C-alpha atoms as a PDB file:
ATOM      1  CA  MET A   1      94.644  86.565 111.905  1.00  0.00           C
ATOM      2  CA  MET A   2      93.084  89.407 113.884  1.00  0.00           C
ATOM      3  CA  ILE A   3      96.625  90.877 114.425  1.00  0.00           C
ATOM      4  CA  CYS A   4      97.079  91.048 110.652  1.00  0.00           C
ATOM      5  CA  VAL A   5      93.936  92.958 110.433  1.00  0.00           C
ATOM      6  CA  PHE A   6      94.743  95.613 113.211  1.00  0.00           C
ATOM      7  CA  ILE A   7      98.414  96.036 111.642  1.00  0.00           C
ATOM      8  CA  ASN A   8      96.664  96.608 107.982  1.00  0.00           C
ATOM      9  CA  MET A   9      94.271  99.211 109.728  1.00  0.00           C
ATOM     10  CA  GLY A  10      97.637 100.886 111.202  1.00  0.00           C
ATOM     11  CA  THR A  11      99.023 100.780 107.387  1.00  0.00           C
ATOM     12  CA  ILE A  12      95.409 102.288 106.184  1.00  0.00           C
ATOM     13  CA  ALA A  13      95.704 105.071 108.661  1.00  0.00           C
ATOM     14  CA  CYS A  14      99.413 105.817 108.001  1.00  0.00           C
ATOM     15  CA  GLY A  15      98.169 106.604 104.496  1.00  0.00           C
ATOM     16  CA  TYR A  16      96.867 110.100 105.334  1.00  0.00           C
ATOM     17  CA  ILE A  17     100.116 110.812 107.409  1.00  0.00           C
ATOM     18  CA  THR A  18     103.048 112.306 105.835  1.00  0.00           C
ATOM     19  CA  PHE A  19     106.130 110.166 106.409  1.00  0.00           C
ATOM     20  CA  SER A  20     109.731 110.182 104.683  1.00  0.00           C
ATOM     21  CA  ASP A  21     109.986 108.376 101.369  1.00  0.00           C
ATOM     22  CA  THR A  22     111.995 105.318 103.330  1.00  0.00           C
ATOM     23  CA  THR A  23     109.206 104.999 106.210  1.00  0.00           C
ATOM     24  CA  THR A  24     106.338 105.290 103.210  1.00  0.00           C
ATOM     25  CA  ASN A  25     108.200 102.372 101.196  1.00  0.00           C
ATOM     26  CA  ASN A  26     108.532 100.283 104.276  1.00  0.00           C
ATOM     27  CA  ILE A  27     104.372 100.911 104.928  1.00  0.00           C
ATOM     28  CA  ALA A  28     103.957  99.751 101.460  1.00  0.00           C
ATOM     29  CA  THR A  29     106.066  96.895 101.820  1.00  0.00           C
ATOM     30  CA  LEU A  30     104.079  95.887 105.021  1.00  0.00           C
ATOM     31  CA  ASP A  31     100.690  96.516 102.966  1.00  0.00           C
ATOM     32  CA  ASP A  32     102.065  94.038 100.419  1.00  0.00           C
ATOM     33  CA  VAL A  33     102.928  91.402 102.795  1.00  0.00           C
ATOM     34  CA  LEU A  34      99.702  91.475 104.645  1.00  0.00           C
ATOM     35  CA  LEU A  35      97.727  91.493 101.515  1.00  0.00           C
ATOM     36  CA  TYR A  36      99.852  87.943 100.352  1.00  0.00           C
ATOM     37  CA  ILE A  37      99.177  86.947 104.044  1.00  0.00           C
ATOM     38  CA  TYR A  38      95.305  87.076 103.418  1.00  0.00           C
ATOM     39  CA  VAL A  39      95.754  85.639 100.000  1.00  0.00           C
ATOM     40  CA  GLY A  40      97.665  82.625 101.436  1.00  0.00           C
ATOM     41  CA  GLU A  41      94.645  82.378 103.884  1.00  0.00           C
ATOM     42  CA  SER A  42      91.882  82.408 101.343  1.00  0.00           C
ATOM     43  CA  ILE A  43      93.805  79.575  99.050  1.00  0.00           C
ATOM     44  CA  LEU A  44      94.527  77.377 102.372  1.00  0.00           C
ATOM     45  CA  LYS A  45      90.652  77.908 103.107  1.00  0.00           C
ATOM     46  CA  ILE A  46      89.710  76.886  99.765  1.00  0.00           C
ATOM     47  CA  ILE A  47      91.556  74.027  99.676  1.00  0.00           C
ATOM     48  CA  GLY A  48      90.684  72.869 103.240  1.00  0.00           C
ATOM     49  CA  LEU A  49      86.974  73.282 103.025  1.00  0.00           C
ATOM     50  CA  GLY A  50      86.707  72.817  99.612  1.00  0.00           C
ATOM     51  CA  PRO A  51      85.552  75.332  97.152  1.00  0.00           C
ATOM     52  CA  LEU A  52      81.529  74.616  97.384  1.00  0.00           C
ATOM     53  CA  ASN A  53      81.930  74.770 101.544  1.00  0.00           C
ATOM     54  CA  TYR A  54      84.017  77.697 101.381  1.00  0.00           C
ATOM     55  CA  PHE A  55      81.886  80.103  99.092  1.00  0.00           C
ATOM     56  CA  ARG A  56      78.617  78.801 101.086  1.00  0.00           C
ATOM     57  CA  ASP A  57      79.772  81.038 103.952  1.00  0.00           C
ATOM     58  CA  THR A  58      79.020  84.492 103.482  1.00  0.00           C
ATOM     59  CA  TRP A  59      81.936  85.548 105.625  1.00  0.00           C
ATOM     60  CA  ASN A  60      84.082  83.857 103.045  1.00  0.00           C
ATOM     61  CA  CYS A  61      82.793  85.286 100.042  1.00  0.00           C
ATOM     62  CA  LEU A  62      83.136  88.742 101.636  1.00  0.00           C
ATOM     63  CA  ASP A  63      86.888  87.758 102.315  1.00  0.00           C
ATOM     64  CA  PHE A  64      87.379  86.453  99.091  1.00  0.00           C
ATOM     65  CA  PHE A  65      85.729  89.566  97.230  1.00  0.00           C
ATOM     66  CA  LEU A  66      88.070  92.013  99.545  1.00  0.00           C
ATOM     67  CA  VAL A  67      91.091  89.945  98.653  1.00  0.00           C
ATOM     68  CA  VAL A  68      90.217  89.833  94.799  1.00  0.00           C
ATOM     69  CA  ILE A  69      89.747  93.745  94.689  1.00  0.00           C
ATOM     70  CA  SER A  70      92.988  94.413  96.926  1.00  0.00           C
ATOM     71  CA  LEU A  71      94.864  92.351  94.342  1.00  0.00           C
ATOM     72  CA  MET A  72      93.413  93.855  91.198  1.00  0.00           C
ATOM     73  CA  VAL A  73      94.234  97.485  92.857  1.00  0.00           C
ATOM     74  CA  ASP A  74      97.825  96.279  93.561  1.00  0.00           C
ATOM     75  CA  VAL A  75      98.440  94.976  90.145  1.00  0.00           C
ATOM     76  CA  THR A  76      96.833  98.232  88.319  1.00  0.00           C
ATOM     77  CA  PHE A  77      98.738 100.245  90.663  1.00  0.00           C
ATOM     78  CA  ASN A  78     102.126  98.463  89.923  1.00  0.00           C
ATOM     79  CA  PHE A  79     100.951  98.561  86.044  1.00  0.00           C
ATOM     80  CA  MET A  80     100.701 102.254  86.036  1.00  0.00           C
ATOM     81  CA  LYS A  81     103.815 102.981  87.596  1.00  0.00           C
ATOM     82  CA  THR A  82     105.492 100.818  84.752  1.00  0.00           C
ATOM     83  CA  LEU A  83     103.543 102.904  82.335  1.00  0.00           C
ATOM     84  CA  ARG A  84     104.789 106.029  83.815  1.00  0.00           C
ATOM     85  CA  SER A  85     108.411 104.824  83.670  1.00  0.00           C
ATOM     86  CA  LEU A  86     108.010 103.817  80.336  1.00  0.00           C
ATOM     87  CA  LYS A  87     106.914 107.579  79.316  1.00  0.00           C
ATOM     88  CA  ILE A  88     110.192 108.719  80.517  1.00  0.00           C
ATOM     89  CA  ALA A  89     111.501 106.710  77.896  1.00  0.00           C
ATOM     90  CA  LYS A  90     110.305 108.831  75.339  1.00  0.00           C
ATOM     91  CA  THR A  91     112.898 111.270  76.176  1.00  0.00           C
ATOM     92  CA  LEU A  92     115.186 109.016  74.455  1.00  0.00           C
ATOM     93  CA  LYS A  93     114.026 110.368  71.254  1.00  0.00           C
ATOM     94  CA  VAL A  94     115.784 113.502  71.986  1.00  0.00           C
ATOM     95  CA  THR A  95     119.058 111.778  71.895  1.00  0.00           C
ATOM     96  CA  LYS A  96     118.093 110.697  68.270  1.00  0.00           C
ATOM     97  CA  LEU A  97     117.417 114.343  67.194  1.00  0.00           C
ATOM     98  CA  LEU A  98     120.859 115.271  68.620  1.00  0.00           C
ATOM     99  CA  LYS A  99     122.781 112.743  66.973  1.00  0.00           C
ATOM    100  CA  ALA A 100     121.336 114.154  63.547  1.00  0.00           C
END
């Protein structure tokens, strides 16, 4: 798991460097994969330890909090990209005007 943490640190650091679009997309995909690994780890630990024992440990609470926040950011970011693409659909109104 420490390897995932170090790779994740690298993807965060790469956010401050300008890369080509392909490389940026690959880094974003790697970041998503790492997030899903962390989600899987949390789920497995909750199942294995039981919810009460899992949340008794302060480090597990911190991990869970970070995973939930990361998921919320990921979902919000993807939702905002969807809204942005829906704005483009407004340009289809022009075709209605041209038809008249």
